[in-house]
Every structure is written in structure tokens, then in C-alpha cells.
Amino acid sequence: MNGFIVTWDVNSRDAAACGRVRRFVFGYELRNGAKTYTYPGFVRREGVRYLGQSVVFVDRVRLDELRAFLRLQR
């Protein structure tokens, strides 16, 4: 598989930015009584592999999407 290793850093003092990045990358679940709503994160998409803390491998198709999201978090 051809692609790119992407890393990022989020200021840990910015709790809102940390939360946005975590939700985007890993997804989240919401529970409403007996119902659970699952929102898969970026790492669950085709062409993306989680490599470690703040590091993913992405193919060319997903690279622009990830870069655009990360740029908005500045």
C-alpha cells in the first residue's frame, strides 16, 4: 500500500481541541437509554491505519481530508 505517515501535536492545555481531534480520529458513541449510536472515527476508514499516538498511515485518497481537518484545529 502506498501512502503517507501523518503526525500531529495538539496543545494538551486546549481541552476543546484535544476533544475534537480525538472524536475525529477515533470516533465516539452516544447512549440514549437503551439505544447506542456509534460514529466511527477516521482510523476506521478504508485506506487509514493507526500506527501509534498521534500517528496514522493514510493513502492518497484520505490525505487531503485529514490535512484539511487538522488545519482547522489551529
C-alpha atoms as a PDB file:
ATOM      1  CA  MET A   1       0.000   0.000   0.000  1.00  0.00           C
ATOM      2  CA  ASN A   2       1.357   3.418  -0.942  1.00  0.00           C
ATOM      3  CA  GLY A   3       0.647   6.338   1.296  1.00  0.00           C
ATOM      4  CA  PHE A   4       1.831   8.807   3.880  1.00  0.00           C
ATOM      5  CA  ILE A   5       2.663   8.797   7.558  1.00  0.00           C
ATOM      6  CA  VAL A   6       0.965  11.783   9.197  1.00  0.00           C
ATOM      7  CA  THR A   7       1.725  13.073  12.685  1.00  0.00           C
ATOM      8  CA  TRP A   8       0.222  15.922  14.650  1.00  0.00           C
ATOM      9  CA  ASP A   9       0.511  17.620  18.009  1.00  0.00           C
ATOM     10  CA  VAL A  10      -2.292  19.225  19.997  1.00  0.00           C
ATOM     11  CA  ASN A  11      -1.692  21.536  22.935  1.00  0.00           C
ATOM     12  CA  SER A  12      -2.856  19.473  25.903  1.00  0.00           C
ATOM     13  CA  ARG A  13      -3.992  22.679  27.662  1.00  0.00           C
ATOM     14  CA  ASP A  14      -6.601  23.180  24.920  1.00  0.00           C
ATOM     15  CA  ALA A  15      -9.178  20.622  26.050  1.00  0.00           C
ATOM     16  CA  ALA A  16     -11.643  21.545  23.297  1.00  0.00           C
ATOM     17  CA  ALA A  17      -9.093  20.979  20.525  1.00  0.00           C
ATOM     18  CA  CYS A  18      -7.994  17.692  22.107  1.00  0.00           C
ATOM     19  CA  GLY A  19     -11.600  16.535  22.204  1.00  0.00           C
ATOM     20  CA  ARG A  20     -12.296  17.497  18.589  1.00  0.00           C
ATOM     21  CA  VAL A  21      -9.208  15.692  17.336  1.00  0.00           C
ATOM     22  CA  ARG A  22      -9.912  12.609  19.469  1.00  0.00           C
ATOM     23  CA  ARG A  23     -13.518  12.395  18.232  1.00  0.00           C
ATOM     24  CA  PHE A  24     -12.495  12.848  14.601  1.00  0.00           C
ATOM     25  CA  VAL A  25      -9.671  10.318  14.726  1.00  0.00           C
ATOM     26  CA  PHE A  26     -11.233   7.628  16.944  1.00  0.00           C
ATOM     27  CA  GLY A  27     -14.965   8.291  16.742  1.00  0.00           C
ATOM     28  CA  TYR A  28     -17.401   8.139  19.627  1.00  0.00           C
ATOM     29  CA  GLU A  29     -20.572   6.569  20.965  1.00  0.00           C
ATOM     30  CA  LEU A  30     -23.695   8.208  22.329  1.00  0.00           C
ATOM     31  CA  ARG A  31     -26.091   6.324  24.567  1.00  0.00           C
ATOM     32  CA  ASN A  32     -29.701   7.383  24.880  1.00  0.00           C
ATOM     33  CA  GLY A  33     -31.472   4.986  27.189  1.00  0.00           C
ATOM     34  CA  ALA A  34     -31.346   1.567  25.558  1.00  0.00           C
ATOM     35  CA  LYS A  35     -30.130   2.941  22.206  1.00  0.00           C
ATOM     36  CA  THR A  36     -26.474   3.365  21.307  1.00  0.00           C
ATOM     37  CA  TYR A  37     -25.353   5.498  18.386  1.00  0.00           C
ATOM     38  CA  THR A  38     -21.864   4.741  17.071  1.00  0.00           C
ATOM     39  CA  TYR A  39     -19.897   7.223  14.996  1.00  0.00           C
ATOM     40  CA  PRO A  40     -16.740   5.576  13.662  1.00  0.00           C
ATOM     41  CA  GLY A  41     -13.620   7.682  13.506  1.00  0.00           C
ATOM     42  CA  PHE A  42     -11.159   8.412  10.743  1.00  0.00           C
ATOM     43  CA  VAL A  43      -8.996   5.409  11.659  1.00  0.00           C
ATOM     44  CA  ARG A  44     -11.883   3.066  10.760  1.00  0.00           C
ATOM     45  CA  ARG A  45     -11.995   4.247   7.144  1.00  0.00           C
ATOM     46  CA  GLU A  46     -10.601   2.387   4.175  1.00  0.00           C
ATOM     47  CA  GLY A  47      -7.009   3.409   3.478  1.00  0.00           C
ATOM     48  CA  VAL A  48      -6.217   4.502   7.045  1.00  0.00           C
ATOM     49  CA  ARG A  49      -4.131   2.650   9.628  1.00  0.00           C
ATOM     50  CA  TYR A  50      -3.487   3.759  13.192  1.00  0.00           C
ATOM     51  CA  LEU A  51       0.240   3.470  13.930  1.00  0.00           C
ATOM     52  CA  GLY A  52       0.529   4.989  17.389  1.00  0.00           C
ATOM     53  CA  GLN A  53      -0.048   8.088  19.475  1.00  0.00           C
ATOM     54  CA  SER A  54      -0.781  10.958  17.071  1.00  0.00           C
ATOM     55  CA  VAL A  55       0.445   8.948  14.068  1.00  0.00           C
ATOM     56  CA  VAL A  56      -1.578   7.431  11.229  1.00  0.00           C
ATOM     57  CA  PHE A  57      -0.796   5.990   7.830  1.00  0.00           C
ATOM     58  CA  VAL A  58      -3.145   7.247   5.098  1.00  0.00           C
ATOM     59  CA  ASP A  59      -3.426   6.586   1.405  1.00  0.00           C
ATOM     60  CA  ARG A  60      -3.539   9.437  -1.108  1.00  0.00           C
ATOM     61  CA  VAL A  61      -7.350   9.402  -1.229  1.00  0.00           C
ATOM     62  CA  ARG A  62      -7.687  10.195   2.512  1.00  0.00           C
ATOM     63  CA  LEU A  63      -4.689  12.513   2.906  1.00  0.00           C
ATOM     64  CA  ASP A  64      -6.423  15.739   1.872  1.00  0.00           C
ATOM     65  CA  GLU A  65      -9.362  15.069   4.193  1.00  0.00           C
ATOM     66  CA  LEU A  66      -7.084  14.590   7.193  1.00  0.00           C
ATOM     67  CA  ARG A  67      -4.911  17.578   6.379  1.00  0.00           C
ATOM     68  CA  ALA A  68      -7.972  19.821   5.963  1.00  0.00           C
ATOM     69  CA  PHE A  69      -9.347  18.764   9.342  1.00  0.00           C
ATOM     70  CA  LEU A  70      -6.023  19.264  11.121  1.00  0.00           C
ATOM     71  CA  ARG A  71      -5.546  22.702   9.562  1.00  0.00           C
ATOM     72  CA  LEU A  72      -8.885  23.818  11.018  1.00  0.00           C
ATOM     73  CA  GLN A  73      -7.681  22.932  14.527  1.00  0.00           C
ATOM     74  CA  ARG A  74      -5.002  25.653  14.614  1.00  0.00           C
END
